[in-house]
């Protein structure tokens, strides 16, 4: 698995809300400024599904990122299986001053593991920036 992580300077309730609520997901879920997430839906429960449409701002490319939840432990952990069968494990560890978000995922075979790690880390960095700006 490939792992990315970040320490977010915010309460766990805020971090969880921003990670799971579609109105927030559309604000941070992109790896670079020339992409965005114009649509997000999220049924946060075991067996529930999510779908985020990720698109280039110039309209030339888009794809749906989707999966089904296999574990949801509020403020602690989320696990899901992506539409292509790869697994993702996310942990949230709160301290009095910050929340460590650690996300591990099965790599795909189209791009190098280094490129995948950079892309997922960029999205997580964007999440941190968004949450800390609230």
N, C-alpha and C. Protein backbone atom coordinates (compact mmCIF):
# COMPACT_ATOMS: atom_id res chain seq x y z
N UNK A 1 0.84 -1.19 0.00
CA UNK A 1 0.00 0.00 0.00
C UNK A 1 0.88 1.25 0.00
N UNK A 2 0.36 2.31 -0.55
CA UNK A 2 1.02 3.61 -0.55
C UNK A 2 0.37 4.44 0.55
N UNK A 3 1.18 5.19 1.31
CA UNK A 3 0.65 5.97 2.42
C UNK A 3 0.98 7.45 2.27
N UNK A 4 -0.01 8.28 2.57
CA UNK A 4 0.19 9.73 2.66
C UNK A 4 -0.35 10.17 4.01
N UNK A 5 0.17 11.28 4.53
CA UNK A 5 -0.28 11.74 5.85
C UNK A 5 -0.12 13.23 6.00
N UNK A 6 -0.90 13.77 6.93
CA UNK A 6 -0.82 15.19 7.24
C UNK A 6 -1.36 15.43 8.64
N UNK A 7 -0.82 16.44 9.30
CA UNK A 7 -1.34 16.87 10.60
C UNK A 7 -2.14 18.15 10.39
N UNK A 8 -3.43 18.10 10.76
CA UNK A 8 -4.35 19.20 10.53
C UNK A 8 -4.57 19.94 11.85
N UNK A 9 -4.35 21.24 11.83
CA UNK A 9 -4.55 22.05 13.03
C UNK A 9 -6.01 22.48 13.13
N UNK A 10 -6.85 21.54 13.61
CA UNK A 10 -8.28 21.79 13.76
C UNK A 10 -8.86 20.70 14.66
N UNK A 11 -10.02 20.94 15.24
CA UNK A 11 -10.66 19.90 16.06
C UNK A 11 -11.10 18.71 15.19
N UNK A 12 -11.15 17.53 15.79
CA UNK A 12 -11.53 16.32 15.06
C UNK A 12 -12.92 16.48 14.42
N UNK A 13 -13.85 17.15 15.09
CA UNK A 13 -15.20 17.31 14.54
C UNK A 13 -15.15 18.08 13.22
N UNK A 14 -14.32 19.10 13.15
CA UNK A 14 -14.19 19.89 11.92
C UNK A 14 -13.52 19.07 10.82
N UNK A 15 -12.47 18.37 11.18
CA UNK A 15 -11.76 17.54 10.20
C UNK A 15 -12.71 16.49 9.62
N UNK A 16 -13.45 15.82 10.48
CA UNK A 16 -14.39 14.77 10.04
C UNK A 16 -15.47 15.37 9.13
N UNK A 17 -16.05 16.47 9.54
CA UNK A 17 -17.11 17.14 8.76
C UNK A 17 -16.59 17.52 7.37
N UNK A 18 -15.40 18.09 7.31
CA UNK A 18 -14.84 18.52 6.03
C UNK A 18 -14.46 17.33 5.15
N UNK A 19 -14.05 16.22 5.76
CA UNK A 19 -13.67 15.03 5.00
C UNK A 19 -14.89 14.32 4.41
N UNK A 20 -16.03 14.39 5.11
CA UNK A 20 -17.17 13.54 4.75
C UNK A 20 -18.37 14.26 4.15
N UNK A 21 -18.49 15.57 4.30
CA UNK A 21 -19.66 16.30 3.82
C UNK A 21 -19.42 16.79 2.39
N UNK A 22 -20.31 16.40 1.45
CA UNK A 22 -20.12 16.81 0.05
C UNK A 22 -19.93 18.31 -0.17
N UNK A 23 -20.57 19.15 0.63
CA UNK A 23 -20.41 20.60 0.43
C UNK A 23 -18.97 21.04 0.71
N UNK A 24 -18.26 20.30 1.56
CA UNK A 24 -16.84 20.58 1.80
C UNK A 24 -15.95 19.85 0.79
N UNK A 25 -16.29 18.60 0.48
CA UNK A 25 -15.47 17.79 -0.43
C UNK A 25 -15.25 18.53 -1.75
N UNK A 26 -16.30 19.20 -2.25
CA UNK A 26 -16.17 19.91 -3.53
C UNK A 26 -15.22 21.11 -3.42
N UNK A 27 -14.87 21.52 -2.22
CA UNK A 27 -14.00 22.68 -2.02
C UNK A 27 -12.51 22.33 -1.96
N UNK A 28 -12.19 21.08 -1.60
CA UNK A 28 -10.78 20.72 -1.41
C UNK A 28 -10.29 19.54 -2.25
N UNK A 29 -11.18 18.77 -2.83
CA UNK A 29 -10.78 17.51 -3.46
C UNK A 29 -10.18 17.70 -4.84
N UNK A 30 -8.98 18.24 -4.90
CA UNK A 30 -8.23 18.36 -6.14
C UNK A 30 -6.74 18.41 -5.82
N UNK A 31 -5.95 17.92 -6.77
CA UNK A 31 -4.50 17.86 -6.56
C UNK A 31 -3.79 19.11 -7.05
N UNK A 32 -4.46 19.88 -7.94
CA UNK A 32 -3.84 21.10 -8.46
C UNK A 32 -4.94 22.11 -8.77
N UNK A 33 -4.53 23.37 -8.92
CA UNK A 33 -5.49 24.46 -9.10
C UNK A 33 -6.23 24.40 -10.43
N UNK A 34 -5.74 23.60 -11.39
CA UNK A 34 -6.44 23.52 -12.67
C UNK A 34 -7.47 22.38 -12.72
N UNK A 35 -7.71 21.74 -11.56
CA UNK A 35 -8.74 20.71 -11.42
C UNK A 35 -9.70 21.11 -10.31
N UNK A 36 -10.89 20.53 -10.34
CA UNK A 36 -11.86 20.76 -9.28
C UNK A 36 -12.80 19.56 -9.18
N UNK A 37 -13.65 19.58 -8.16
CA UNK A 37 -14.65 18.55 -7.95
C UNK A 37 -16.01 19.22 -7.99
N UNK A 38 -16.65 19.28 -9.17
CA UNK A 38 -17.92 19.98 -9.28
C UNK A 38 -19.10 19.23 -8.65
N UNK A 39 -18.93 17.92 -8.38
CA UNK A 39 -20.04 17.13 -7.84
C UNK A 39 -19.50 16.10 -6.85
N UNK A 40 -20.21 15.96 -5.73
CA UNK A 40 -19.87 14.92 -4.75
C UNK A 40 -21.13 14.42 -4.08
N UNK A 41 -21.22 13.12 -3.92
CA UNK A 41 -22.29 12.52 -3.12
C UNK A 41 -21.63 11.53 -2.18
N UNK A 42 -22.21 11.35 -0.98
CA UNK A 42 -21.55 10.51 0.01
C UNK A 42 -22.59 9.92 0.96
N UNK A 43 -22.69 8.59 0.97
CA UNK A 43 -23.56 7.87 1.90
C UNK A 43 -22.64 7.17 2.90
N UNK A 44 -22.26 7.90 3.96
CA UNK A 44 -21.21 7.46 4.89
C UNK A 44 -21.74 6.44 5.88
N UNK A 45 -21.79 5.19 5.44
CA UNK A 45 -22.14 4.07 6.30
C UNK A 45 -21.61 2.80 5.63
N UNK A 46 -21.41 1.75 6.43
CA UNK A 46 -20.94 0.50 5.85
C UNK A 46 -21.94 0.05 4.80
N UNK A 47 -21.45 -0.23 3.61
CA UNK A 47 -22.30 -0.58 2.48
C UNK A 47 -22.75 0.62 1.67
N UNK A 48 -22.54 1.83 2.23
CA UNK A 48 -22.89 3.05 1.52
C UNK A 48 -21.86 3.36 0.45
N UNK A 49 -22.27 4.15 -0.52
CA UNK A 49 -21.38 4.47 -1.63
C UNK A 49 -21.11 5.97 -1.70
N UNK A 50 -20.01 6.30 -2.37
CA UNK A 50 -19.69 7.70 -2.63
C UNK A 50 -19.30 7.83 -4.08
N UNK A 51 -19.46 9.05 -4.60
CA UNK A 51 -19.00 9.35 -5.96
C UNK A 51 -18.64 10.82 -6.01
N UNK A 52 -17.42 11.10 -6.49
CA UNK A 52 -16.94 12.46 -6.70
C UNK A 52 -16.57 12.59 -8.17
N UNK A 53 -17.08 13.60 -8.82
CA UNK A 53 -16.67 13.88 -10.19
C UNK A 53 -15.49 14.83 -10.13
N UNK A 54 -14.36 14.41 -10.64
CA UNK A 54 -13.16 15.22 -10.67
C UNK A 54 -12.94 15.64 -12.12
N UNK A 55 -12.71 16.95 -12.34
CA UNK A 55 -12.65 17.46 -13.71
C UNK A 55 -11.61 18.56 -13.84
N UNK A 56 -11.03 18.63 -15.03
CA UNK A 56 -10.14 19.76 -15.32
C UNK A 56 -11.02 21.00 -15.49
N UNK A 57 -10.53 22.12 -15.01
CA UNK A 57 -11.31 23.36 -15.10
C UNK A 57 -11.53 23.82 -16.53
N UNK A 58 -10.65 23.39 -17.45
CA UNK A 58 -10.83 23.78 -18.86
C UNK A 58 -11.83 22.87 -19.58
N UNK A 59 -12.38 21.87 -18.87
CA UNK A 59 -13.42 21.03 -19.42
C UNK A 59 -12.96 19.92 -20.36
N UNK A 60 -11.66 19.69 -20.47
CA UNK A 60 -11.17 18.70 -21.43
C UNK A 60 -11.13 17.28 -20.86
N UNK A 61 -11.13 17.13 -19.52
CA UNK A 61 -11.05 15.80 -18.92
C UNK A 61 -11.88 15.75 -17.65
N UNK A 62 -12.48 14.59 -17.38
CA UNK A 62 -13.15 14.37 -16.11
C UNK A 62 -13.28 12.87 -15.88
N UNK A 63 -13.45 12.51 -14.62
CA UNK A 63 -13.69 11.11 -14.26
C UNK A 63 -14.41 11.07 -12.94
N UNK A 64 -15.08 9.95 -12.68
CA UNK A 64 -15.75 9.75 -11.40
C UNK A 64 -14.87 8.88 -10.52
N UNK A 65 -14.64 9.35 -9.31
CA UNK A 65 -13.92 8.60 -8.29
C UNK A 65 -15.00 8.06 -7.37
N UNK A 66 -15.12 6.73 -7.28
CA UNK A 66 -16.23 6.18 -6.50
C UNK A 66 -15.84 4.89 -5.81
N UNK A 67 -16.63 4.55 -4.79
CA UNK A 67 -16.37 3.34 -4.04
C UNK A 67 -17.47 3.05 -3.05
N UNK A 68 -17.24 1.98 -2.28
CA UNK A 68 -18.21 1.53 -1.28
C UNK A 68 -17.50 1.36 0.06
N UNK A 69 -18.13 1.88 1.12
CA UNK A 69 -17.55 1.83 2.46
C UNK A 69 -17.62 0.43 3.05
N UNK A 70 -16.52 0.00 3.66
CA UNK A 70 -16.46 -1.28 4.35
C UNK A 70 -16.29 -1.10 5.85
N UNK A 71 -15.89 0.11 6.27
CA UNK A 71 -15.74 0.42 7.70
C UNK A 71 -15.93 1.92 7.88
N UNK A 72 -16.75 2.30 8.86
CA UNK A 72 -16.90 3.71 9.24
C UNK A 72 -16.95 3.76 10.75
N UNK A 73 -15.93 4.34 11.37
CA UNK A 73 -15.89 4.56 12.82
C UNK A 73 -15.72 6.05 13.02
N UNK A 74 -16.81 6.73 13.41
CA UNK A 74 -16.80 8.19 13.49
C UNK A 74 -15.59 8.72 14.27
N UNK A 75 -14.93 9.70 13.66
CA UNK A 75 -13.76 10.40 14.22
C UNK A 75 -12.51 9.51 14.33
N UNK A 76 -12.57 8.26 13.82
CA UNK A 76 -11.43 7.36 13.98
C UNK A 76 -10.94 6.74 12.68
N UNK A 77 -11.85 6.17 11.89
CA UNK A 77 -11.39 5.42 10.72
C UNK A 77 -12.47 5.31 9.65
N UNK A 78 -12.01 5.26 8.41
CA UNK A 78 -12.86 5.00 7.26
C UNK A 78 -12.08 4.04 6.35
N UNK A 79 -12.77 3.03 5.87
CA UNK A 79 -12.18 2.13 4.87
C UNK A 79 -13.19 1.95 3.75
N UNK A 80 -12.67 1.84 2.53
CA UNK A 80 -13.56 1.60 1.41
C UNK A 80 -12.84 0.85 0.31
N UNK A 81 -13.64 0.33 -0.61
CA UNK A 81 -13.12 -0.33 -1.81
C UNK A 81 -13.53 0.54 -2.99
N UNK A 82 -12.55 0.94 -3.79
CA UNK A 82 -12.82 1.74 -4.98
C UNK A 82 -13.52 0.89 -6.02
N UNK A 83 -14.13 1.53 -7.00
CA UNK A 83 -14.86 0.83 -8.06
C UNK A 83 -14.00 -0.20 -8.78
N UNK A 84 -12.68 0.04 -8.83
CA UNK A 84 -11.78 -0.91 -9.51
C UNK A 84 -11.25 -2.01 -8.58
N UNK A 85 -11.77 -2.06 -7.34
CA UNK A 85 -11.40 -3.13 -6.41
C UNK A 85 -10.26 -2.83 -5.48
N UNK A 86 -9.60 -1.68 -5.65
CA UNK A 86 -8.49 -1.33 -4.75
C UNK A 86 -9.03 -0.85 -3.41
N UNK A 87 -8.28 -1.11 -2.35
CA UNK A 87 -8.69 -0.78 -0.99
C UNK A 87 -8.02 0.50 -0.50
N UNK A 88 -8.77 1.25 0.32
CA UNK A 88 -8.26 2.46 0.95
C UNK A 88 -8.58 2.40 2.44
N UNK A 89 -7.57 2.75 3.27
CA UNK A 89 -7.71 2.76 4.72
C UNK A 89 -7.29 4.14 5.21
N UNK A 90 -8.18 4.81 5.96
CA UNK A 90 -7.89 6.15 6.47
C UNK A 90 -8.06 6.15 7.98
N UNK A 91 -7.07 6.68 8.69
CA UNK A 91 -7.21 6.82 10.14
C UNK A 91 -7.11 8.29 10.52
N UNK A 92 -7.85 8.63 11.57
CA UNK A 92 -7.87 9.98 12.12
C UNK A 92 -7.47 9.86 13.58
N UNK A 93 -6.34 10.46 13.96
CA UNK A 93 -5.84 10.38 15.33
C UNK A 93 -5.78 11.79 15.91
N UNK A 94 -6.67 12.07 16.86
CA UNK A 94 -6.77 13.41 17.43
C UNK A 94 -5.89 13.55 18.67
N UNK A 95 -5.23 14.70 18.75
CA UNK A 95 -4.55 15.13 19.96
C UNK A 95 -5.22 16.44 20.37
N UNK A 96 -4.85 17.02 21.51
CA UNK A 96 -5.49 18.29 21.87
C UNK A 96 -5.28 19.42 20.86
N UNK A 97 -4.21 19.35 20.07
CA UNK A 97 -3.92 20.48 19.18
C UNK A 97 -4.09 20.19 17.69
N UNK A 98 -4.17 18.91 17.29
CA UNK A 98 -4.25 18.61 15.86
C UNK A 98 -4.82 17.22 15.63
N UNK A 99 -5.06 16.93 14.35
CA UNK A 99 -5.53 15.61 13.95
C UNK A 99 -4.58 15.07 12.89
N UNK A 100 -4.02 13.90 13.14
CA UNK A 100 -3.19 13.23 12.14
C UNK A 100 -4.12 12.42 11.24
N UNK A 101 -4.06 12.71 9.94
CA UNK A 101 -4.82 11.95 8.95
C UNK A 101 -3.83 11.11 8.18
N UNK A 102 -4.01 9.79 8.21
CA UNK A 102 -3.12 8.86 7.52
C UNK A 102 -3.98 8.05 6.56
N UNK A 103 -3.62 8.11 5.29
CA UNK A 103 -4.39 7.47 4.24
C UNK A 103 -3.49 6.51 3.48
N UNK A 104 -3.89 5.23 3.42
CA UNK A 104 -3.13 4.22 2.70
C UNK A 104 -4.03 3.61 1.63
N UNK A 105 -3.45 3.34 0.46
CA UNK A 105 -4.25 2.83 -0.64
C UNK A 105 -3.45 1.85 -1.49
N UNK A 106 -4.18 0.92 -2.08
CA UNK A 106 -3.57 0.00 -3.04
C UNK A 106 -3.23 0.78 -4.30
N UNK A 107 -2.03 0.61 -4.83
CA UNK A 107 -1.67 1.33 -6.06
C UNK A 107 -2.37 0.74 -7.28
N UNK A 108 -2.53 1.58 -8.30
CA UNK A 108 -3.00 1.08 -9.59
C UNK A 108 -1.77 0.81 -10.45
N UNK A 109 -1.95 0.28 -11.65
CA UNK A 109 -0.81 -0.14 -12.45
C UNK A 109 -0.49 0.81 -13.60
N UNK A 110 -1.31 1.83 -13.80
CA UNK A 110 -1.12 2.74 -14.93
C UNK A 110 -0.02 3.77 -14.69
N UNK A 111 0.07 4.29 -13.45
CA UNK A 111 1.04 5.32 -13.10
C UNK A 111 2.03 4.78 -12.07
N UNK A 112 3.22 5.40 -12.01
CA UNK A 112 4.22 4.95 -11.04
C UNK A 112 3.70 5.19 -9.62
N UNK A 113 4.20 4.38 -8.68
CA UNK A 113 3.79 4.54 -7.28
C UNK A 113 4.19 5.93 -6.77
N UNK A 114 5.33 6.44 -7.21
CA UNK A 114 5.77 7.77 -6.80
C UNK A 114 4.78 8.84 -7.26
N UNK A 115 4.33 8.74 -8.51
CA UNK A 115 3.37 9.70 -9.04
C UNK A 115 2.03 9.61 -8.29
N UNK A 116 1.60 8.37 -7.99
CA UNK A 116 0.36 8.20 -7.24
C UNK A 116 0.47 8.81 -5.84
N UNK A 117 1.60 8.56 -5.18
CA UNK A 117 1.79 9.12 -3.84
C UNK A 117 1.78 10.65 -3.89
N UNK A 118 2.44 11.22 -4.89
CA UNK A 118 2.47 12.68 -5.02
C UNK A 118 1.06 13.25 -5.24
N UNK A 119 0.27 12.59 -6.08
CA UNK A 119 -1.08 13.06 -6.35
C UNK A 119 -1.98 13.00 -5.13
N UNK A 120 -1.97 11.87 -4.44
CA UNK A 120 -2.81 11.74 -3.24
C UNK A 120 -2.32 12.67 -2.12
N UNK A 121 -0.99 12.85 -2.02
CA UNK A 121 -0.47 13.77 -1.01
C UNK A 121 -0.89 15.20 -1.34
N UNK A 122 -0.89 15.57 -2.61
CA UNK A 122 -1.31 16.92 -3.01
C UNK A 122 -2.77 17.17 -2.63
N UNK A 123 -3.62 16.16 -2.81
CA UNK A 123 -5.03 16.31 -2.40
C UNK A 123 -5.12 16.46 -0.89
N UNK A 124 -4.37 15.65 -0.15
CA UNK A 124 -4.38 15.74 1.31
C UNK A 124 -3.84 17.09 1.78
N UNK A 125 -2.82 17.60 1.11
CA UNK A 125 -2.30 18.94 1.45
C UNK A 125 -3.35 20.01 1.19
N UNK A 126 -4.11 19.86 0.12
CA UNK A 126 -5.18 20.80 -0.19
C UNK A 126 -6.28 20.73 0.87
N UNK A 127 -6.56 19.51 1.35
CA UNK A 127 -7.52 19.33 2.44
C UNK A 127 -7.06 20.09 3.68
N UNK A 128 -5.80 19.92 4.06
CA UNK A 128 -5.24 20.60 5.23
C UNK A 128 -5.39 22.12 5.09
N UNK A 129 -5.02 22.62 3.93
CA UNK A 129 -5.11 24.07 3.67
C UNK A 129 -6.57 24.56 3.79
N UNK A 130 -7.50 23.80 3.23
CA UNK A 130 -8.92 24.17 3.29
C UNK A 130 -9.41 24.17 4.73
N UNK A 131 -9.19 23.08 5.47
CA UNK A 131 -9.69 22.98 6.84
C UNK A 131 -9.11 24.08 7.72
N UNK A 132 -7.82 24.32 7.59
CA UNK A 132 -7.17 25.31 8.46
C UNK A 132 -7.58 26.74 8.08
N UNK A 133 -8.18 26.91 6.91
CA UNK A 133 -8.63 28.27 6.52
C UNK A 133 -10.02 28.61 7.07
N UNK A 134 -10.71 27.60 7.61
CA UNK A 134 -12.07 27.82 8.10
C UNK A 134 -12.09 28.55 9.44
